[in-house]
């Protein structure tokens, strides 16, 4: 473990031996590091998983949520710098896919340390993004959108006290997504893998394939059964695919 890799920004699943690679997992809008808990030791004894902890939820519930993709990317990139002594792989689901891209850009352009691979799940490439509603007019509308997409434990939103705690972070994340509009894509100095569910209501296969234009080092696309949260029902298949991509021979 490199000096200084402990950070409030990461829930780390340490390895018994020095890690060969670190897999940084970036949650979706409204999500938290615990979404990736079952991934913690799923990739082998030499792969350390680091799930990103966004402000305003779980261990960081007392903190003000961060709004703005660039601000969030700056903060996570800064927290990752002590970790770049070891190769990094980035996996981001939905909002986390865009965040992973922005982090990868900063690592390669400012620090000469591009990730080994960027894996984006259910997210359009930056040049294909379309404008979305920045805010919902009521909490009920916001909750309905969360329920439509699935993935978040919406039963928590039925408790008025928990709902009051959880909604500010969800609203901040949805604002972050809405504010991250189409821009010219900058090619990455690493391979890119796109994942998508074949019945995702918001992102289709060809839109995820759009990442190919930003991946001169190589692009691959994996389509799995399911909707926007295919990775819950098809966890084992997804983990198996990622594990193979992180194998030493690759």
C-alpha atoms as a PDB file:
ATOM      1  CA  UNK A   1       0.000   0.000   0.000  1.00  0.00           C
ATOM      2  CA  UNK A   2       1.359   3.393  -0.946  1.00  0.00           C
ATOM      3  CA  UNK A   3       1.730   5.979   1.780  1.00  0.00           C
ATOM      4  CA  UNK A   4      -1.380   8.133   1.999  1.00  0.00           C
ATOM      5  CA  UNK A   5      -3.828   5.929   0.085  1.00  0.00           C
ATOM      6  CA  UNK A   6      -6.314   5.982   2.974  1.00  0.00           C
ATOM      7  CA  UNK A   7      -8.909   8.636   2.228  1.00  0.00           C
ATOM      8  CA  UNK A   8     -12.463   9.567   3.160  1.00  0.00           C
ATOM      9  CA  UNK A   9     -13.145   9.374  -0.576  1.00  0.00           C
ATOM     10  CA  UNK A  10     -12.696   5.605  -0.813  1.00  0.00           C
ATOM     11  CA  UNK A  11     -14.027   2.460   0.756  1.00  0.00           C
ATOM     12  CA  UNK A  12     -11.022   0.186   0.226  1.00  0.00           C
ATOM     13  CA  UNK A  13     -11.048  -3.595   0.089  1.00  0.00           C
ATOM     14  CA  UNK A  14      -7.401  -4.277   0.767  1.00  0.00           C
ATOM     15  CA  UNK A  15      -5.448  -7.265  -0.465  1.00  0.00           C
ATOM     16  CA  UNK A  16      -3.170  -9.552   1.526  1.00  0.00           C
ATOM     17  CA  UNK A  17      -0.347  -8.885  -0.949  1.00  0.00           C
ATOM     18  CA  UNK A  18       0.655  -5.611  -2.603  1.00  0.00           C
ATOM     19  CA  UNK A  19      -1.986  -5.023  -5.293  1.00  0.00           C
ATOM     20  CA  UNK A  20      -1.079  -5.542  -8.929  1.00  0.00           C
ATOM     21  CA  UNK A  21      -3.903  -3.201  -9.967  1.00  0.00           C
ATOM     22  CA  UNK A  22      -6.554  -1.082  -8.273  1.00  0.00           C
ATOM     23  CA  UNK A  23     -10.146  -1.098  -9.539  1.00  0.00           C
ATOM     24  CA  UNK A  24     -11.830   2.236  -8.789  1.00  0.00           C
ATOM     25  CA  UNK A  25     -15.646   1.934  -8.825  1.00  0.00           C
ATOM     26  CA  UNK A  26     -17.731   5.067  -9.378  1.00  0.00           C
ATOM     27  CA  UNK A  27     -21.420   4.857  -8.355  1.00  0.00           C
ATOM     28  CA  UNK A  28     -24.462   6.090 -10.236  1.00  0.00           C
ATOM     29  CA  UNK A  29     -26.497   9.192  -9.397  1.00  0.00           C
ATOM     30  CA  UNK A  30     -28.036   8.652  -5.975  1.00  0.00           C
ATOM     31  CA  UNK A  31     -25.724   5.707  -5.377  1.00  0.00           C
ATOM     32  CA  UNK A  32     -23.086   5.068  -2.763  1.00  0.00           C
ATOM     33  CA  UNK A  33     -19.941   3.034  -2.245  1.00  0.00           C
ATOM     34  CA  UNK A  34     -21.953   0.214  -0.679  1.00  0.00           C
ATOM     35  CA  UNK A  35     -23.454  -0.530  -4.110  1.00  0.00           C
ATOM     36  CA  UNK A  36     -20.115  -2.211  -4.899  1.00  0.00           C
ATOM     37  CA  UNK A  37     -19.705  -4.022  -1.575  1.00  0.00           C
ATOM     38  CA  UNK A  38     -20.099  -7.473  -3.118  1.00  0.00           C
ATOM     39  CA  UNK A  39     -17.311  -6.630  -5.577  1.00  0.00           C
ATOM     40  CA  UNK A  40     -14.787  -6.065  -2.806  1.00  0.00           C
ATOM     41  CA  UNK A  41     -12.852  -9.324  -3.078  1.00  0.00           C
ATOM     42  CA  UNK A  42     -14.294 -10.691  -6.315  1.00  0.00           C
ATOM     43  CA  UNK A  43     -11.353 -10.112  -8.657  1.00  0.00           C
ATOM     44  CA  UNK A  44      -8.493 -12.063  -7.135  1.00  0.00           C
ATOM     45  CA  UNK A  45      -5.981 -11.708  -4.337  1.00  0.00           C
ATOM     46  CA  UNK A  46      -3.949  -9.025  -6.131  1.00  0.00           C
ATOM     47  CA  UNK A  47      -6.767  -6.683  -7.247  1.00  0.00           C
ATOM     48  CA  UNK A  48      -7.684  -3.996  -4.723  1.00  0.00           C
ATOM     49  CA  UNK A  49     -11.180  -2.555  -5.094  1.00  0.00           C
ATOM     50  CA  UNK A  50     -11.732   1.085  -4.161  1.00  0.00           C
ATOM     51  CA  UNK A  51     -15.364   2.214  -4.173  1.00  0.00           C
ATOM     52  CA  UNK A  52     -15.755   5.977  -4.285  1.00  0.00           C
ATOM     53  CA  UNK A  53     -17.657   7.600  -1.416  1.00  0.00           C
ATOM     54  CA  UNK A  54     -19.453  10.728  -2.607  1.00  0.00           C
ATOM     55  CA  UNK A  55     -20.152  13.431   0.001  1.00  0.00           C
ATOM     56  CA  UNK A  56     -23.623  13.624   1.517  1.00  0.00           C
ATOM     57  CA  UNK A  57     -24.341   9.931   2.092  1.00  0.00           C
ATOM     58  CA  UNK A  58     -23.459   7.068   4.455  1.00  0.00           C
ATOM     59  CA  UNK A  59     -20.139   7.817   6.197  1.00  0.00           C
ATOM     60  CA  UNK A  60     -20.212  11.334   4.722  1.00  0.00           C
ATOM     61  CA  UNK A  61     -23.874  12.101   5.419  1.00  0.00           C
ATOM     62  CA  UNK A  62     -23.021  15.290   7.326  1.00  0.00           C
ATOM     63  CA  UNK A  63     -21.155  16.772   4.355  1.00  0.00           C
ATOM     64  CA  UNK A  64     -22.671  18.947   1.656  1.00  0.00           C
ATOM     65  CA  UNK A  65     -23.103  16.998  -1.594  1.00  0.00           C
ATOM     66  CA  UNK A  66     -20.921  18.090  -4.508  1.00  0.00           C
ATOM     67  CA  UNK A  67     -22.772  19.370  -7.568  1.00  0.00           C
ATOM     68  CA  UNK A  68     -21.003  19.594 -10.922  1.00  0.00           C
ATOM     69  CA  UNK A  69     -19.159  16.867 -12.820  1.00  0.00           C
ATOM     70  CA  UNK A  70     -15.948  18.883 -13.085  1.00  0.00           C
ATOM     71  CA  UNK A  71     -15.867  19.709  -9.367  1.00  0.00           C
ATOM     72  CA  UNK A  72     -16.463  16.084  -8.466  1.00  0.00           C
ATOM     73  CA  UNK A  73     -13.828  14.881 -10.933  1.00  0.00           C
ATOM     74  CA  UNK A  74     -11.274  17.340  -9.543  1.00  0.00           C
ATOM     75  CA  UNK A  75     -11.836  16.118  -5.999  1.00  0.00           C
ATOM     76  CA  UNK A  76     -11.715  12.401  -6.809  1.00  0.00           C
ATOM     77  CA  UNK A  77      -8.647  12.816  -9.029  1.00  0.00           C
ATOM     78  CA  UNK A  78      -6.813  14.647  -6.261  1.00  0.00           C
ATOM     79  CA  UNK A  79      -7.696  11.892  -3.793  1.00  0.00           C
ATOM     80  CA  UNK A  80      -6.408   9.260  -6.251  1.00  0.00           C
ATOM     81  CA  UNK A  81      -2.947  10.761  -6.705  1.00  0.00           C
ATOM     82  CA  UNK A  82      -1.347   8.798  -3.837  1.00  0.00           C
ATOM     83  CA  UNK A  83      -2.581   5.621  -5.555  1.00  0.00           C
ATOM     84  CA  UNK A  84      -1.023   6.052  -8.987  1.00  0.00           C
ATOM     85  CA  UNK A  85       2.087   4.134  -7.953  1.00  0.00           C
ATOM     86  CA  UNK A  86      -0.044   1.123  -8.930  1.00  0.00           C
ATOM     87  CA  UNK A  87      -1.998   0.815 -12.213  1.00  0.00           C
ATOM     88  CA  UNK A  88      -5.594   1.966 -11.955  1.00  0.00           C
ATOM     89  CA  UNK A  89      -8.659   0.625 -13.742  1.00  0.00           C
ATOM     90  CA  UNK A  90     -11.823   2.741 -13.629  1.00  0.00           C
ATOM     91  CA  UNK A  91     -15.393   1.397 -13.696  1.00  0.00           C
ATOM     92  CA  UNK A  92     -18.259   3.874 -13.677  1.00  0.00           C
ATOM     93  CA  UNK A  93     -21.965   3.138 -13.862  1.00  0.00           C
ATOM     94  CA  UNK A  94     -24.332   5.715 -15.359  1.00  0.00           C
ATOM     95  CA  UNK A  95     -23.237   9.089 -13.905  1.00  0.00           C
ATOM     96  CA  UNK A  96     -20.108   7.278 -12.757  1.00  0.00           C
ATOM     97  CA  UNK A  97     -19.219   6.590 -16.405  1.00  0.00           C
ATOM     98  CA  UNK A  98     -18.971  10.297 -17.196  1.00  0.00           C
ATOM     99  CA  UNK A  99     -17.117  10.886 -13.956  1.00  0.00           C
ATOM    100  CA  UNK A 100     -14.662   8.108 -14.827  1.00  0.00           C
ATOM    101  CA  UNK A 101     -14.009   9.730 -18.192  1.00  0.00           C
ATOM    102  CA  UNK A 102     -13.305  13.125 -16.604  1.00  0.00           C
ATOM    103  CA  UNK A 103     -10.972  11.509 -14.060  1.00  0.00           C
ATOM    104  CA  UNK A 104      -9.160   9.590 -16.812  1.00  0.00           C
ATOM    105  CA  UNK A 105      -8.623  12.847 -18.734  1.00  0.00           C
ATOM    106  CA  UNK A 106      -7.139  14.552 -15.688  1.00  0.00           C
ATOM    107  CA  UNK A 107      -4.869  11.631 -14.884  1.00  0.00           C
ATOM    108  CA  UNK A 108      -3.482  11.497 -18.415  1.00  0.00           C
ATOM    109  CA  UNK A 109      -3.243  15.212 -19.168  1.00  0.00           C
ATOM    110  CA  UNK A 110      -2.015  16.566 -15.839  1.00  0.00           C
ATOM    111  CA  UNK A 111      -0.172  13.647 -14.293  1.00  0.00           C
ATOM    112  CA  UNK A 112       0.963  11.480 -17.199  1.00  0.00           C
ATOM    113  CA  UNK A 113      -0.755   8.494 -15.576  1.00  0.00           C
ATOM    114  CA  UNK A 114      -3.721   7.350 -17.678  1.00  0.00           C
ATOM    115  CA  UNK A 115      -5.695   4.431 -16.270  1.00  0.00           C
ATOM    116  CA  UNK A 116      -5.027   0.952 -17.601  1.00  0.00           C
ATOM    117  CA  UNK A 117      -8.623   0.816 -18.804  1.00  0.00           C
ATOM    118  CA  UNK A 118     -11.818   2.849 -18.516  1.00  0.00           C
ATOM    119  CA  UNK A 119     -15.017   0.800 -18.220  1.00  0.00           C
ATOM    120  CA  UNK A 120     -18.243   2.740 -18.725  1.00  0.00           C
ATOM    121  CA  UNK A 121     -21.659   1.263 -17.974  1.00  0.00           C
ATOM    122  CA  UNK A 122     -24.986   2.542 -19.321  1.00  0.00           C
ATOM    123  CA  UNK A 123     -23.634   5.951 -20.244  1.00  0.00           C
ATOM    124  CA  UNK A 124     -23.376   7.819 -23.531  1.00  0.00           C
ATOM    125  CA  UNK A 125     -20.053   9.208 -24.708  1.00  0.00           C
ATOM    126  CA  UNK A 126     -19.638  12.909 -23.853  1.00  0.00           C
ATOM    127  CA  UNK A 127     -20.220  14.111 -27.436  1.00  0.00           C
ATOM    128  CA  UNK A 128     -23.549  12.204 -27.576  1.00  0.00           C
ATOM    129  CA  UNK A 129     -25.093  13.528 -24.382  1.00  0.00           C
ATOM    130  CA  UNK A 130     -28.426  15.314 -24.559  1.00  0.00           C
ATOM    131  CA  UNK A 131     -29.846  17.927 -22.210  1.00  0.00           C
ATOM    132  CA  UNK A 132     -31.914  16.664 -19.292  1.00  0.00           C
ATOM    133  CA  UNK A 133     -34.156  18.382 -16.769  1.00  0.00           C
ATOM    134  CA  UNK A 134     -31.884  20.002 -14.215  1.00  0.00           C
ATOM    135  CA  UNK A 135     -34.295  19.754 -11.312  1.00  0.00           C
ATOM    136  CA  UNK A 136     -37.598  18.141 -10.505  1.00  0.00           C
ATOM    137  CA  UNK A 137     -40.318  20.446  -9.280  1.00  0.00           C
ATOM    138  CA  UNK A 138     -41.101  18.306  -6.252  1.00  0.00           C
ATOM    139  CA  UNK A 139     -39.530  15.630  -4.115  1.00  0.00           C
ATOM    140  CA  UNK A 140     -42.218  13.207  -5.263  1.00  0.00           C
ATOM    141  CA  UNK A 141     -41.207  13.676  -8.903  1.00  0.00           C
ATOM    142  CA  UNK A 142     -37.570  13.094  -8.017  1.00  0.00           C
ATOM    143  CA  UNK A 143     -38.427   9.916  -6.106  1.00  0.00           C
ATOM    144  CA  UNK A 144     -40.537   8.719  -9.035  1.00  0.00           C
ATOM    145  CA  UNK A 145     -37.560   9.143 -11.375  1.00  0.00           C
ATOM    146  CA  UNK A 146     -35.314   7.185  -9.002  1.00  0.00           C
ATOM    147  CA  UNK A 147     -37.922   4.431  -8.868  1.00  0.00           C
ATOM    148  CA  UNK A 148     -38.240   4.390 -12.659  1.00  0.00           C
ATOM    149  CA  UNK A 149     -34.524   3.804 -13.115  1.00  0.00           C
ATOM    150  CA  UNK A 150     -34.258   1.290 -10.270  1.00  0.00           C
ATOM    151  CA  UNK A 151     -31.036   0.336  -8.541  1.00  0.00           C
ATOM    152  CA  UNK A 152     -31.405   2.506  -5.450  1.00  0.00           C
ATOM    153  CA  UNK A 153     -33.132   0.948  -2.432  1.00  0.00           C
ATOM    154  CA  UNK A 154     -36.302   2.986  -2.811  1.00  0.00           C
ATOM    155  CA  UNK A 155     -37.811   1.499   0.345  1.00  0.00           C
ATOM    156  CA  UNK A 156     -35.553   3.899   2.240  1.00  0.00           C
ATOM    157  CA  UNK A 157     -37.422   6.764   0.595  1.00  0.00           C
ATOM    158  CA  UNK A 158     -40.674   5.603   2.191  1.00  0.00           C
ATOM    159  CA  UNK A 159     -39.393   6.594   5.627  1.00  0.00           C
ATOM    160  CA  UNK A 160     -39.894  10.375   6.035  1.00  0.00           C
ATOM    161  CA  UNK A 161     -36.810  10.812   8.234  1.00  0.00           C
ATOM    162  CA  UNK A 162     -34.525   8.814   5.946  1.00  0.00           C
ATOM    163  CA  UNK A 163     -35.989  10.517   2.908  1.00  0.00           C
ATOM    164  CA  UNK A 164     -35.064  13.904   4.334  1.00  0.00           C
ATOM    165  CA  UNK A 165     -31.473  12.692   4.766  1.00  0.00           C
ATOM    166  CA  UNK A 166     -31.142  10.973   1.394  1.00  0.00           C
ATOM    167  CA  UNK A 167     -32.862  13.320  -1.051  1.00  0.00           C
ATOM    168  CA  UNK A 168     -30.299  16.188  -0.968  1.00  0.00           C
ATOM    169  CA  UNK A 169     -27.575  13.887  -2.301  1.00  0.00           C
ATOM    170  CA  UNK A 170     -29.892  12.420  -4.937  1.00  0.00           C
ATOM    171  CA  UNK A 171     -30.976  15.889  -6.057  1.00  0.00           C
ATOM    172  CA  UNK A 172     -27.336  17.041  -6.234  1.00  0.00           C
ATOM    173  CA  UNK A 173     -26.392  14.037  -8.361  1.00  0.00           C
ATOM    174  CA  UNK A 174     -29.282  14.508 -10.770  1.00  0.00           C
ATOM    175  CA  UNK A 175     -28.282  18.150 -11.084  1.00  0.00           C
ATOM    176  CA  UNK A 176     -24.730  17.058 -11.838  1.00  0.00           C
ATOM    177  CA  UNK A 177     -25.966  14.767 -14.610  1.00  0.00           C
ATOM    178  CA  UNK A 178     -28.221  17.469 -16.050  1.00  0.00           C
ATOM    179  CA  UNK A 179     -25.436  20.038 -16.067  1.00  0.00           C
ATOM    180  CA  UNK A 180     -23.000  17.778 -17.895  1.00  0.00           C
ATOM    181  CA  UNK A 181     -24.129  18.470 -21.456  1.00  0.00           C
ATOM    182  CA  UNK A 182     -22.680  17.532 -24.829  1.00  0.00           C
ATOM    183  CA  UNK A 183     -19.091  18.573 -25.484  1.00  0.00           C
ATOM    184  CA  UNK A 184     -16.379  17.492 -27.922  1.00  0.00           C
ATOM    185  CA  UNK A 185     -14.863  14.240 -26.757  1.00  0.00           C
ATOM    186  CA  UNK A 186     -11.123  14.087 -26.100  1.00  0.00           C
ATOM    187  CA  UNK A 187      -9.539  10.723 -27.008  1.00  0.00           C
ATOM    188  CA  UNK A 188      -8.184   8.685 -24.118  1.00  0.00           C
ATOM    189  CA  UNK A 189      -4.745   7.141 -23.875  1.00  0.00           C
ATOM    190  CA  UNK A 190      -6.189   3.850 -22.643  1.00  0.00           C
ATOM    191  CA  UNK A 191      -8.598   1.170 -23.869  1.00  0.00           C
ATOM    192  CA  UNK A 192     -12.299   1.699 -23.224  1.00  0.00           C
ATOM    193  CA  UNK A 193     -14.921  -0.968 -22.551  1.00  0.00           C
ATOM    194  CA  UNK A 194     -18.623  -0.166 -22.807  1.00  0.00           C
ATOM    195  CA  UNK A 195     -21.304  -2.126 -20.927  1.00  0.00           C
ATOM    196  CA  UNK A 196     -25.067  -1.805 -21.374  1.00  0.00           C
ATOM    197  CA  UNK A 197     -28.270  -3.696 -20.682  1.00  0.00           C
ATOM    198  CA  UNK A 198     -30.155  -4.714 -23.798  1.00  0.00           C
ATOM    199  CA  UNK A 199     -33.399  -3.175 -22.504  1.00  0.00           C
ATOM    200  CA  UNK A 200     -32.043  -0.010 -20.865  1.00  0.00           C
ATOM    201  CA  UNK A 201     -34.847   2.595 -21.171  1.00  0.00           C
ATOM    202  CA  UNK A 202     -32.429   5.547 -21.404  1.00  0.00           C
ATOM    203  CA  UNK A 203     -29.277   4.354 -23.204  1.00  0.00           C
ATOM    204  CA  UNK A 204     -29.143   2.069 -26.212  1.00  0.00           C
ATOM    205  CA  UNK A 205     -26.350  -0.116 -27.536  1.00  0.00           C
ATOM    206  CA  UNK A 206     -25.315   2.241 -30.334  1.00  0.00           C
ATOM    207  CA  UNK A 207     -25.056   5.183 -27.943  1.00  0.00           C
ATOM    208  CA  UNK A 208     -22.649   3.228 -25.754  1.00  0.00           C
ATOM    209  CA  UNK A 209     -20.772   2.180 -28.879  1.00  0.00           C
ATOM    210  CA  UNK A 210     -20.126   5.893 -29.389  1.00  0.00           C
ATOM    211  CA  UNK A 211     -17.225   5.606 -26.927  1.00  0.00           C
ATOM    212  CA  UNK A 212     -15.300   3.854 -29.700  1.00  0.00           C
ATOM    213  CA  UNK A 213     -14.504   7.236 -31.231  1.00  0.00           C
ATOM    214  CA  UNK A 214     -12.609   8.251 -28.081  1.00  0.00           C
ATOM    215  CA  UNK A 215     -10.650   5.018 -27.749  1.00  0.00           C
ATOM    216  CA  UNK A 216      -7.740   4.861 -30.215  1.00  0.00           C
ATOM    217  CA  UNK A 217      -6.069   2.344 -27.869  1.00  0.00           C
ATOM    218  CA  UNK A 218      -8.969  -0.063 -28.368  1.00  0.00           C
ATOM    219  CA  UNK A 219     -12.673  -0.404 -27.671  1.00  0.00           C
ATOM    220  CA  UNK A 220     -14.881  -3.340 -26.772  1.00  0.00           C
ATOM    221  CA  UNK A 221     -18.618  -3.541 -26.121  1.00  0.00           C
ATOM    222  CA  UNK A 222     -20.409  -5.991 -23.848  1.00  0.00           C
ATOM    223  CA  UNK A 223     -24.214  -6.216 -23.932  1.00  0.00           C
ATOM    224  CA  UNK A 224     -25.937  -8.034 -21.075  1.00  0.00           C
ATOM    225  CA  UNK A 225     -29.617  -8.822 -20.493  1.00  0.00           C
ATOM    226  CA  UNK A 226     -31.529  -6.276 -18.448  1.00  0.00           C
ATOM    227  CA  UNK A 227     -32.273  -2.612 -17.998  1.00  0.00           C
ATOM    228  CA  UNK A 228     -30.382   0.300 -16.513  1.00  0.00           C
ATOM    229  CA  UNK A 229     -29.348  -1.828 -13.538  1.00  0.00           C
ATOM    230  CA  UNK A 230     -28.521  -5.037 -15.398  1.00  0.00           C
ATOM    231  CA  UNK A 231     -25.425  -5.245 -13.197  1.00  0.00           C
ATOM    232  CA  UNK A 232     -27.546  -6.242 -10.183  1.00  0.00           C
ATOM    233  CA  UNK A 233     -29.246  -9.259 -11.732  1.00  0.00           C
ATOM    234  CA  UNK A 234     -26.204 -10.210 -13.835  1.00  0.00           C
ATOM    235  CA  UNK A 235     -23.529  -9.421 -11.285  1.00  0.00           C
ATOM    236  CA  UNK A 236     -21.612 -12.681 -11.683  1.00  0.00           C
ATOM    237  CA  UNK A 237     -21.405 -12.450 -15.461  1.00  0.00           C
ATOM    238  CA  UNK A 238     -20.257  -8.837 -15.302  1.00  0.00           C
ATOM    239  CA  UNK A 239     -17.658  -9.547 -12.629  1.00  0.00           C
ATOM    240  CA  UNK A 240     -16.371 -12.493 -14.633  1.00  0.00           C
ATOM    241  CA  UNK A 241     -15.936 -10.281 -17.679  1.00  0.00           C
ATOM    242  CA  UNK A 242     -14.135  -7.564 -15.709  1.00  0.00           C
ATOM    243  CA  UNK A 243     -11.951 -10.144 -13.981  1.00  0.00           C
ATOM    244  CA  UNK A 244     -10.829 -11.488 -17.367  1.00  0.00           C
ATOM    245  CA  UNK A 245     -10.011  -7.979 -18.577  1.00  0.00           C
ATOM    246  CA  UNK A 246      -7.889  -7.318 -15.486  1.00  0.00           C
ATOM    247  CA  UNK A 247      -5.984 -10.602 -15.808  1.00  0.00           C
ATOM    248  CA  UNK A 248      -2.170 -10.223 -15.720  1.00  0.00           C
ATOM    249  CA  UNK A 249      -1.701 -11.517 -19.254  1.00  0.00           C
ATOM    250  CA  UNK A 250      -3.739  -8.567 -20.560  1.00  0.00           C
END
